[in-house]
Amino acid sequence: MKNSVTRIYIDAKLSVGSDVELPKAAHHHVVRVLRLSAGAPITLFNGRGGEFKGVISSHNLRSTFVTVTNFSPIERESPLSITLVQGISRGERMDYTIQKAVELGVEAIVPFQALRTAVRIPVERRQRRLEHWRGIIRHACEQCGRNRVPALSDIHSLEEVLTIVSTKFSLLLHPAGKKEIPELSSNVRPLLLIVGPEGGLDDTETARLQAANCFNLCVGPRILRTETAAVTALSILQARFGDLAF
């Protein structure tokens, strides 16, 4: 399903009555791709809550300006707070996982460099990759209607993941895990969902996470790809404890 009015994320303070210049990429998308003209409605949000309605007031080859007409405090966040710890996968698979995780309402995403991670991102290229993933998160928010932008952490090692596990009720996807999700009371939220990379987690990683009181969870009898596993588990959790309905 697609929004009828174009939504644009803009990292700036927004207020009713102001004229806002769109970022270059958004300008190109609005003018060159969507071919919107002056007077077209548009929605802006800055990730700080709510959204701003506006209209394109003017545009030329180099810039587009939007006049903000009103503010709506609407939020579309899930009542279930989930942080996804995702083992890094190759290229488009990781992009897909991040995009769908945002659509499914995660609050934060933590890329995890596991022992069997097939992709090794050099230190000098990490910031560039993180910014690429942040762009995917912002675009997913534009598409799905979220007005809060999920946080993206730096790439974590197992030791760093274990420090997060100690602060949240943690679920570890594992083929040998239980097929029944435990009942969750308010005192065990927020949740941490850990999904291994394409090659799965190493036995030592699994053992250390289990020793840290992660609950082993299996979502079915078939072995799922890492991107399928994350989307499936998030969907089940949101349907059971969050805001997804059938």
C-alpha atoms as a PDB file:
ATOM      1  CA  MET A   1       0.000   0.000   0.000  1.00  0.00           C
ATOM      2  CA  LYS A   2       1.288   3.438  -0.906  1.00  0.00           C
ATOM      3  CA  ASN A   3       0.587   6.829   0.624  1.00  0.00           C
ATOM      4  CA  SER A   4      -1.314   9.128  -1.737  1.00  0.00           C
ATOM      5  CA  VAL A   5       0.627  12.156  -0.480  1.00  0.00           C
ATOM      6  CA  THR A   6       4.411  12.162  -0.784  1.00  0.00           C
ATOM      7  CA  ARG A   7       6.256  12.015   2.541  1.00  0.00           C
ATOM      8  CA  ILE A   8       9.740  13.465   2.929  1.00  0.00           C
ATOM      9  CA  TYR A   9      12.138  13.184   5.870  1.00  0.00           C
ATOM     10  CA  ILE A  10      14.046  16.375   6.549  1.00  0.00           C
ATOM     11  CA  ASP A  11      16.643  16.807   9.280  1.00  0.00           C
ATOM     12  CA  ALA A  12      15.633  20.306  10.319  1.00  0.00           C
ATOM     13  CA  LYS A  13      13.400  22.178  12.716  1.00  0.00           C
ATOM     14  CA  LEU A  14       9.918  22.502  11.228  1.00  0.00           C
ATOM     15  CA  SER A  15       7.171  24.948  12.154  1.00  0.00           C
ATOM     16  CA  VAL A  16       3.809  25.986  10.744  1.00  0.00           C
ATOM     17  CA  GLY A  17       4.077  28.949   8.388  1.00  0.00           C
ATOM     18  CA  SER A  18       7.723  28.415   7.516  1.00  0.00           C
ATOM     19  CA  ASP A  19       9.171  27.864   4.047  1.00  0.00           C
ATOM     20  CA  VAL A  20      11.493  24.877   3.907  1.00  0.00           C
ATOM     21  CA  GLU A  21      13.970  24.007   1.185  1.00  0.00           C
ATOM     22  CA  LEU A  22      14.046  20.292   0.457  1.00  0.00           C
ATOM     23  CA  PRO A  23      17.370  18.433   0.554  1.00  0.00           C
ATOM     24  CA  LYS A  24      18.943  17.881  -2.865  1.00  0.00           C
ATOM     25  CA  ALA A  25      18.000  14.195  -3.067  1.00  0.00           C
ATOM     26  CA  ALA A  26      14.399  14.944  -2.075  1.00  0.00           C
ATOM     27  CA  HIS A  27      14.265  17.816  -4.577  1.00  0.00           C
ATOM     28  CA  HIS A  28      15.389  15.483  -7.362  1.00  0.00           C
ATOM     29  CA  HIS A  29      12.836  12.841  -6.367  1.00  0.00           C
ATOM     30  CA  VAL A  30       9.962  15.316  -6.154  1.00  0.00           C
ATOM     31  CA  VAL A  31      10.721  17.210  -9.368  1.00  0.00           C
ATOM     32  CA  ARG A  32      12.459  14.699 -11.622  1.00  0.00           C
ATOM     33  CA  VAL A  33      10.839  11.417 -10.581  1.00  0.00           C
ATOM     34  CA  LEU A  34       7.381  12.314  -9.276  1.00  0.00           C
ATOM     35  CA  ARG A  35       7.144  15.459 -11.430  1.00  0.00           C
ATOM     36  CA  LEU A  36       5.222  17.365  -8.785  1.00  0.00           C
ATOM     37  CA  SER A  37       4.574  21.033  -9.401  1.00  0.00           C
ATOM     38  CA  ALA A  38       3.756  24.115  -7.330  1.00  0.00           C
ATOM     39  CA  GLY A  39       0.632  23.621  -5.228  1.00  0.00           C
ATOM     40  CA  ALA A  40       1.079  19.867  -4.830  1.00  0.00           C
ATOM     41  CA  PRO A  41       0.511  18.604  -1.260  1.00  0.00           C
ATOM     42  CA  ILE A  42       3.445  17.098   0.593  1.00  0.00           C
ATOM     43  CA  THR A  43       4.088  15.792   4.111  1.00  0.00           C
ATOM     44  CA  LEU A  44       7.305  16.510   6.003  1.00  0.00           C
ATOM     45  CA  PHE A  45       8.625  14.909   9.188  1.00  0.00           C
ATOM     46  CA  ASN A  46      11.896  15.276  11.054  1.00  0.00           C
ATOM     47  CA  GLY A  47      11.874  12.174  13.252  1.00  0.00           C
ATOM     48  CA  ARG A  48      11.047  14.115  16.409  1.00  0.00           C
ATOM     49  CA  GLY A  49       7.372  13.200  16.451  1.00  0.00           C
ATOM     50  CA  GLY A  50       4.326  14.142  14.436  1.00  0.00           C
ATOM     51  CA  GLU A  51       4.201  15.294  10.838  1.00  0.00           C
ATOM     52  CA  PHE A  52       3.799  18.583   9.006  1.00  0.00           C
ATOM     53  CA  LYS A  53       1.448  19.105   6.089  1.00  0.00           C
ATOM     54  CA  GLY A  54       2.514  21.506   3.394  1.00  0.00           C
ATOM     55  CA  VAL A  55       2.383  22.452  -0.257  1.00  0.00           C
ATOM     56  CA  ILE A  56       5.121  23.003  -2.791  1.00  0.00           C
ATOM     57  CA  SER A  57       5.373  26.773  -3.020  1.00  0.00           C
ATOM     58  CA  SER A  58       8.033  26.989  -5.727  1.00  0.00           C
ATOM     59  CA  HIS A  59      10.676  24.986  -7.515  1.00  0.00           C
ATOM     60  CA  ASN A  60      13.266  25.329 -10.233  1.00  0.00           C
ATOM     61  CA  LEU A  61      16.046  23.189 -11.630  1.00  0.00           C
ATOM     62  CA  ARG A  62      18.100  23.455  -8.444  1.00  0.00           C
ATOM     63  CA  SER A  63      15.690  23.722  -5.524  1.00  0.00           C
ATOM     64  CA  THR A  64      12.205  23.053  -4.202  1.00  0.00           C
ATOM     65  CA  PHE A  65      10.512  24.986  -1.403  1.00  0.00           C
ATOM     66  CA  VAL A  66       7.595  23.768   0.707  1.00  0.00           C
ATOM     67  CA  THR A  67       5.309  26.006   2.759  1.00  0.00           C
ATOM     68  CA  VAL A  68       4.315  24.268   6.005  1.00  0.00           C
ATOM     69  CA  THR A  69       0.580  24.719   6.585  1.00  0.00           C
ATOM     70  CA  ASN A  70      -0.240  22.652   9.671  1.00  0.00           C
ATOM     71  CA  PHE A  71       1.054  20.119  12.174  1.00  0.00           C
ATOM     72  CA  SER A  72      -0.451  16.762  13.132  1.00  0.00           C
ATOM     73  CA  PRO A  73       0.797  15.008  16.295  1.00  0.00           C
ATOM     74  CA  ILE A  74      -0.090  11.585  14.874  1.00  0.00           C
ATOM     75  CA  GLU A  75       2.221   8.697  15.742  1.00  0.00           C
ATOM     76  CA  ARG A  76       2.337   5.213  14.241  1.00  0.00           C
ATOM     77  CA  GLU A  77       4.745   3.571  16.671  1.00  0.00           C
ATOM     78  CA  SER A  78       4.140   0.097  18.025  1.00  0.00           C
ATOM     79  CA  PRO A  79       3.396  -0.280  21.746  1.00  0.00           C
ATOM     80  CA  LEU A  80       5.940  -3.115  21.683  1.00  0.00           C
ATOM     81  CA  SER A  81       9.514  -1.865  21.901  1.00  0.00           C
ATOM     82  CA  ILE A  82      11.829  -4.177  19.941  1.00  0.00           C
ATOM     83  CA  THR A  83      15.531  -3.813  19.237  1.00  0.00           C
ATOM     84  CA  LEU A  84      16.727  -6.031  16.395  1.00  0.00           C
ATOM     85  CA  VAL A  85      20.275  -7.363  16.651  1.00  0.00           C
ATOM     86  CA  GLN A  86      20.916  -8.545  13.110  1.00  0.00           C
ATOM     87  CA  GLY A  87      23.913 -10.557  11.983  1.00  0.00           C
ATOM     88  CA  ILE A  88      25.305  -8.686   8.991  1.00  0.00           C
ATOM     89  CA  SER A  89      24.404 -10.296   5.674  1.00  0.00           C
ATOM     90  CA  ARG A  90      25.435  -9.580   2.111  1.00  0.00           C
ATOM     91  CA  GLY A  91      24.423  -6.401   0.284  1.00  0.00           C
ATOM     92  CA  GLU A  92      20.769  -6.384  -0.663  1.00  0.00           C
ATOM     93  CA  ARG A  93      19.840  -8.991   1.947  1.00  0.00           C
ATOM     94  CA  MET A  94      20.912  -6.690   4.772  1.00  0.00           C
ATOM     95  CA  ASP A  95      19.206  -3.748   3.069  1.00  0.00           C
ATOM     96  CA  TYR A  96      15.991  -5.761   2.799  1.00  0.00           C
ATOM     97  CA  THR A  97      16.125  -6.823   6.448  1.00  0.00           C
ATOM     98  CA  ILE A  98      16.607  -3.246   7.644  1.00  0.00           C
ATOM     99  CA  GLN A  99      13.826  -1.917   5.422  1.00  0.00           C
ATOM    100  CA  LYS A 100      11.303  -4.519   6.555  1.00  0.00           C
ATOM    101  CA  ALA A 101      12.320  -4.220  10.207  1.00  0.00           C
ATOM    102  CA  VAL A 102      11.456  -0.518  10.052  1.00  0.00           C
ATOM    103  CA  GLU A 103       8.110  -1.265   8.406  1.00  0.00           C
ATOM    104  CA  LEU A 104       7.422  -3.809  11.155  1.00  0.00           C
ATOM    105  CA  GLY A 105       7.985  -1.245  13.882  1.00  0.00           C
ATOM    106  CA  VAL A 106      11.388  -1.899  15.447  1.00  0.00           C
ATOM    107  CA  GLU A 107      12.650   0.826  17.731  1.00  0.00           C
ATOM    108  CA  ALA A 108      16.344   0.253  17.061  1.00  0.00           C
ATOM    109  CA  ILE A 109      18.643  -1.849  14.881  1.00  0.00           C
ATOM    110  CA  VAL A 110      22.047  -3.180  15.923  1.00  0.00           C
ATOM    111  CA  PRO A 111      24.246  -4.652  13.145  1.00  0.00           C
ATOM    112  CA  PHE A 112      26.163  -7.614  14.566  1.00  0.00           C
ATOM    113  CA  GLN A 113      29.560  -8.803  13.291  1.00  0.00           C
ATOM    114  CA  ALA A 114      29.324 -12.525  14.051  1.00  0.00           C
ATOM    115  CA  LEU A 115      32.056 -15.108  13.539  1.00  0.00           C
ATOM    116  CA  ARG A 116      30.306 -16.530  10.477  1.00  0.00           C
ATOM    117  CA  THR A 117      29.410 -13.185   8.967  1.00  0.00           C
ATOM    118  CA  ALA A 118      30.332 -13.508   5.295  1.00  0.00           C
ATOM    119  CA  VAL A 119      30.831  -9.767   4.861  1.00  0.00           C
ATOM    120  CA  ARG A 120      33.773  -8.140   6.615  1.00  0.00           C
ATOM    121  CA  ILE A 121      33.468  -4.373   6.507  1.00  0.00           C
ATOM    122  CA  PRO A 122      36.845  -2.621   6.900  1.00  0.00           C
ATOM    123  CA  VAL A 123      36.974  -0.007   9.643  1.00  0.00           C
ATOM    124  CA  GLU A 124      37.590   2.768   7.124  1.00  0.00           C
ATOM    125  CA  ARG A 125      34.381   1.875   5.254  1.00  0.00           C
ATOM    126  CA  ARG A 126      32.082   1.389   8.238  1.00  0.00           C
ATOM    127  CA  GLN A 127      30.779   4.939   8.472  1.00  0.00           C
ATOM    128  CA  ARG A 128      29.905   4.901   4.791  1.00  0.00           C
ATOM    129  CA  ARG A 129      28.011   1.620   5.201  1.00  0.00           C
ATOM    130  CA  LEU A 130      26.214   2.881   8.305  1.00  0.00           C
ATOM    131  CA  GLU A 131      25.118   6.009   6.456  1.00  0.00           C
ATOM    132  CA  HIS A 132      23.825   3.812   3.630  1.00  0.00           C
ATOM    133  CA  TRP A 133      21.736   1.847   6.147  1.00  0.00           C
ATOM    134  CA  ARG A 134      20.493   5.068   7.760  1.00  0.00           C
ATOM    135  CA  GLY A 135      19.275   6.169   4.339  1.00  0.00           C
ATOM    136  CA  ILE A 136      17.319   2.929   4.008  1.00  0.00           C
ATOM    137  CA  ILE A 137      15.776   3.531   7.437  1.00  0.00           C
ATOM    138  CA  ARG A 138      14.721   7.071   6.529  1.00  0.00           C
ATOM    139  CA  HIS A 139      13.229   5.987   3.199  1.00  0.00           C
ATOM    140  CA  ALA A 140      11.351   3.145   4.905  1.00  0.00           C
ATOM    141  CA  CYS A 141       9.864   5.652   7.367  1.00  0.00           C
ATOM    142  CA  GLU A 142       8.772   7.836   4.456  1.00  0.00           C
ATOM    143  CA  GLN A 143       7.041   4.871   2.847  1.00  0.00           C
ATOM    144  CA  CYS A 144       5.363   3.304   5.885  1.00  0.00           C
ATOM    145  CA  GLY A 145       4.207   6.473   7.627  1.00  0.00           C
ATOM    146  CA  ARG A 146       6.398   6.383  10.721  1.00  0.00           C
ATOM    147  CA  ASN A 147       7.277   9.768  12.178  1.00  0.00           C
ATOM    148  CA  ARG A 148       9.953   8.460  14.531  1.00  0.00           C
ATOM    149  CA  VAL A 149      13.169   7.239  12.929  1.00  0.00           C
ATOM    150  CA  PRO A 150      14.569   4.034  14.477  1.00  0.00           C
ATOM    151  CA  ALA A 151      18.073   4.316  15.879  1.00  0.00           C
ATOM    152  CA  LEU A 152      20.935   2.530  14.141  1.00  0.00           C
ATOM    153  CA  SER A 153      23.881   1.540  16.315  1.00  0.00           C
ATOM    154  CA  ASP A 154      27.476   1.120  15.278  1.00  0.00           C
ATOM    155  CA  ILE A 155      28.481  -2.381  14.239  1.00  0.00           C
ATOM    156  CA  HIS A 156      28.652  -4.502  17.399  1.00  0.00           C
ATOM    157  CA  SER A 157      30.863  -7.379  18.432  1.00  0.00           C
ATOM    158  CA  LEU A 158      29.535 -10.278  20.518  1.00  0.00           C
ATOM    159  CA  GLU A 159      30.897  -8.661  23.680  1.00  0.00           C
ATOM    160  CA  GLU A 160      28.958  -5.485  22.938  1.00  0.00           C
ATOM    161  CA  VAL A 161      25.787  -7.446  22.175  1.00  0.00           C
ATOM    162  CA  LEU A 162      26.093  -9.225  25.525  1.00  0.00           C
ATOM    163  CA  THR A 163      26.030  -5.877  27.327  1.00  0.00           C
ATOM    164  CA  ILE A 164      22.665  -5.125  25.696  1.00  0.00           C
ATOM    165  CA  VAL A 165      21.332  -8.600  26.503  1.00  0.00           C
ATOM    166  CA  SER A 166      21.804  -7.862  30.191  1.00  0.00           C
ATOM    167  CA  THR A 167      19.358  -4.933  29.985  1.00  0.00           C
ATOM    168  CA  LYS A 168      16.466  -6.434  27.987  1.00  0.00           C
ATOM    169  CA  PHE A 169      14.351  -9.566  27.705  1.00  0.00           C
ATOM    170  CA  SER A 170      16.222 -11.263  24.875  1.00  0.00           C
ATOM    171  CA  LEU A 171      15.017 -13.729  22.259  1.00  0.00           C
ATOM    172  CA  LEU A 172      17.568 -15.685  20.232  1.00  0.00           C
ATOM    173  CA  LEU A 173      16.365 -17.268  17.002  1.00  0.00           C
ATOM    174  CA  HIS A 174      17.694 -20.813  16.879  1.00  0.00           C
ATOM    175  CA  PRO A 175      16.559 -23.935  14.953  1.00  0.00           C
ATOM    176  CA  ALA A 176      16.609 -25.966  18.176  1.00  0.00           C
ATOM    177  CA  GLY A 177      14.711 -23.352  20.166  1.00  0.00           C
ATOM    178  CA  LYS A 178      11.227 -23.580  21.611  1.00  0.00           C
ATOM    179  CA  LYS A 179       8.280 -23.058  19.292  1.00  0.00           C
ATOM    180  CA  GLU A 180       6.207 -21.322  21.933  1.00  0.00           C
ATOM    181  CA  ILE A 181       6.770 -17.661  22.694  1.00  0.00           C
ATOM    182  CA  PRO A 182       6.654 -16.986  26.431  1.00  0.00           C
ATOM    183  CA  GLU A 183       3.947 -14.726  27.774  1.00  0.00           C
ATOM    184  CA  LEU A 184       5.282 -11.220  28.168  1.00  0.00           C
ATOM    185  CA  SER A 185       4.259  -9.003  31.030  1.00  0.00           C
ATOM    186  CA  SER A 186       5.060  -5.310  31.164  1.00  0.00           C
ATOM    187  CA  ASN A 187       8.077  -5.922  33.392  1.00  0.00           C
ATOM    188  CA  VAL A 188       9.955  -7.937  30.724  1.00  0.00           C
ATOM    189  CA  ARG A 189       9.690  -5.353  27.991  1.00  0.00           C
ATOM    190  CA  PRO A 190      11.415  -3.938  25.964  1.00  0.00           C
ATOM    191  CA  LEU A 191      12.499  -6.873  23.820  1.00  0.00           C
ATOM    192  CA  LEU A 192      15.763  -7.728  22.130  1.00  0.00           C
ATOM    193  CA  LEU A 193      15.562 -10.034  19.101  1.00  0.00           C
ATOM    194  CA  ILE A 194      18.840 -11.620  17.965  1.00  0.00           C
ATOM    195  CA  VAL A 195      19.099 -13.074  14.453  1.00  0.00           C
ATOM    196  CA  GLY A 196      22.282 -14.684  13.173  1.00  0.00           C
ATOM    197  CA  PRO A 197      23.962 -14.018   9.805  1.00  0.00           C
ATOM    198  CA  GLU A 198      23.694 -16.147   6.655  1.00  0.00           C
ATOM    199  CA  GLY A 199      25.892 -18.886   8.095  1.00  0.00           C
ATOM    200  CA  GLY A 200      24.142 -18.882  11.453  1.00  0.00           C
ATOM    201  CA  LEU A 201      25.747 -18.316  14.820  1.00  0.00           C
ATOM    202  CA  ASP A 202      28.826 -20.217  15.891  1.00  0.00           C
ATOM    203  CA  ASP A 203      28.312 -22.732  18.725  1.00  0.00           C
ATOM    204  CA  THR A 204      30.433 -20.635  21.072  1.00  0.00           C
ATOM    205  CA  GLU A 205      28.381 -17.519  20.316  1.00  0.00           C
ATOM    206  CA  THR A 206      25.157 -19.423  20.886  1.00  0.00           C
ATOM    207  CA  ALA A 207      26.453 -20.838  24.171  1.00  0.00           C
ATOM    208  CA  ARG A 208      27.487 -17.425  25.476  1.00  0.00           C
ATOM    209  CA  LEU A 209      24.153 -15.860  24.541  1.00  0.00           C
ATOM    210  CA  GLN A 210      22.289 -18.728  26.176  1.00  0.00           C
ATOM    211  CA  ALA A 211      24.422 -18.336  29.290  1.00  0.00           C
ATOM    212  CA  ALA A 212      23.330 -14.690  29.357  1.00  0.00           C
ATOM    213  CA  ASN A 213      19.703 -15.887  29.686  1.00  0.00           C
ATOM    214  CA  CYS A 214      18.597 -15.436  26.089  1.00  0.00           C
ATOM    215  CA  PHE A 215      15.384 -17.337  25.399  1.00  0.00           C
ATOM    216  CA  ASN A 216      15.884 -19.678  22.429  1.00  0.00           C
ATOM    217  CA  LEU A 217      13.045 -19.296  19.941  1.00  0.00           C
ATOM    218  CA  CYS A 218      12.229 -21.307  16.816  1.00  0.00           C
ATOM    219  CA  VAL A 219       9.610 -19.893  14.442  1.00  0.00           C
ATOM    220  CA  GLY A 220       8.870 -23.117  12.563  1.00  0.00           C
ATOM    221  CA  PRO A 221      10.127 -26.458  11.237  1.00  0.00           C
ATOM    222  CA  ARG A 222      11.892 -25.047   8.166  1.00  0.00           C
ATOM    223  CA  ILE A 223      15.305 -23.381   8.029  1.00  0.00           C
ATOM    224  CA  LEU A 224      14.822 -19.752   7.007  1.00  0.00           C
ATOM    225  CA  ARG A 225      17.254 -17.373   5.383  1.00  0.00           C
ATOM    226  CA  THR A 226      18.464 -14.704   7.767  1.00  0.00           C
ATOM    227  CA  GLU A 227      16.359 -11.960   6.155  1.00  0.00           C
ATOM    228  CA  THR A 228      13.263 -14.195   6.170  1.00  0.00           C
ATOM    229  CA  ALA A 229      13.849 -15.200   9.792  1.00  0.00           C
ATOM    230  CA  ALA A 230      14.001 -11.607  11.015  1.00  0.00           C
ATOM    231  CA  VAL A 231      10.852 -10.552   9.153  1.00  0.00           C
ATOM    232  CA  THR A 232       8.960 -13.661  10.282  1.00  0.00           C
ATOM    233  CA  ALA A 233       9.891 -13.291  13.945  1.00  0.00           C
ATOM    234  CA  LEU A 234       9.112  -9.573  14.008  1.00  0.00           C
ATOM    235  CA  SER A 235       5.729 -10.205  12.389  1.00  0.00           C
ATOM    236  CA  ILE A 236       4.864 -12.881  14.954  1.00  0.00           C
ATOM    237  CA  LEU A 237       5.905 -10.693  17.884  1.00  0.00           C
ATOM    238  CA  GLN A 238       3.995  -7.664  16.623  1.00  0.00           C
ATOM    239  CA  ALA A 239       0.887  -9.765  15.977  1.00  0.00           C
ATOM    240  CA  ARG A 240       1.098 -11.362  19.423  1.00  0.00           C
ATOM    241  CA  PHE A 241       2.139  -8.406  21.570  1.00  0.00           C
ATOM    242  CA  GLY A 242       2.216  -5.323  19.344  1.00  0.00           C
ATOM    243  CA  ASP A 243      -0.091  -3.646  16.846  1.00  0.00           C
ATOM    244  CA  LEU A 244      -0.317  -5.985  13.848  1.00  0.00           C
ATOM    245  CA  ALA A 245      -3.782  -7.376  13.210  1.00  0.00           C
ATOM    246  CA  PHE A 246      -5.222  -9.936  10.823  1.00  0.00           C
END
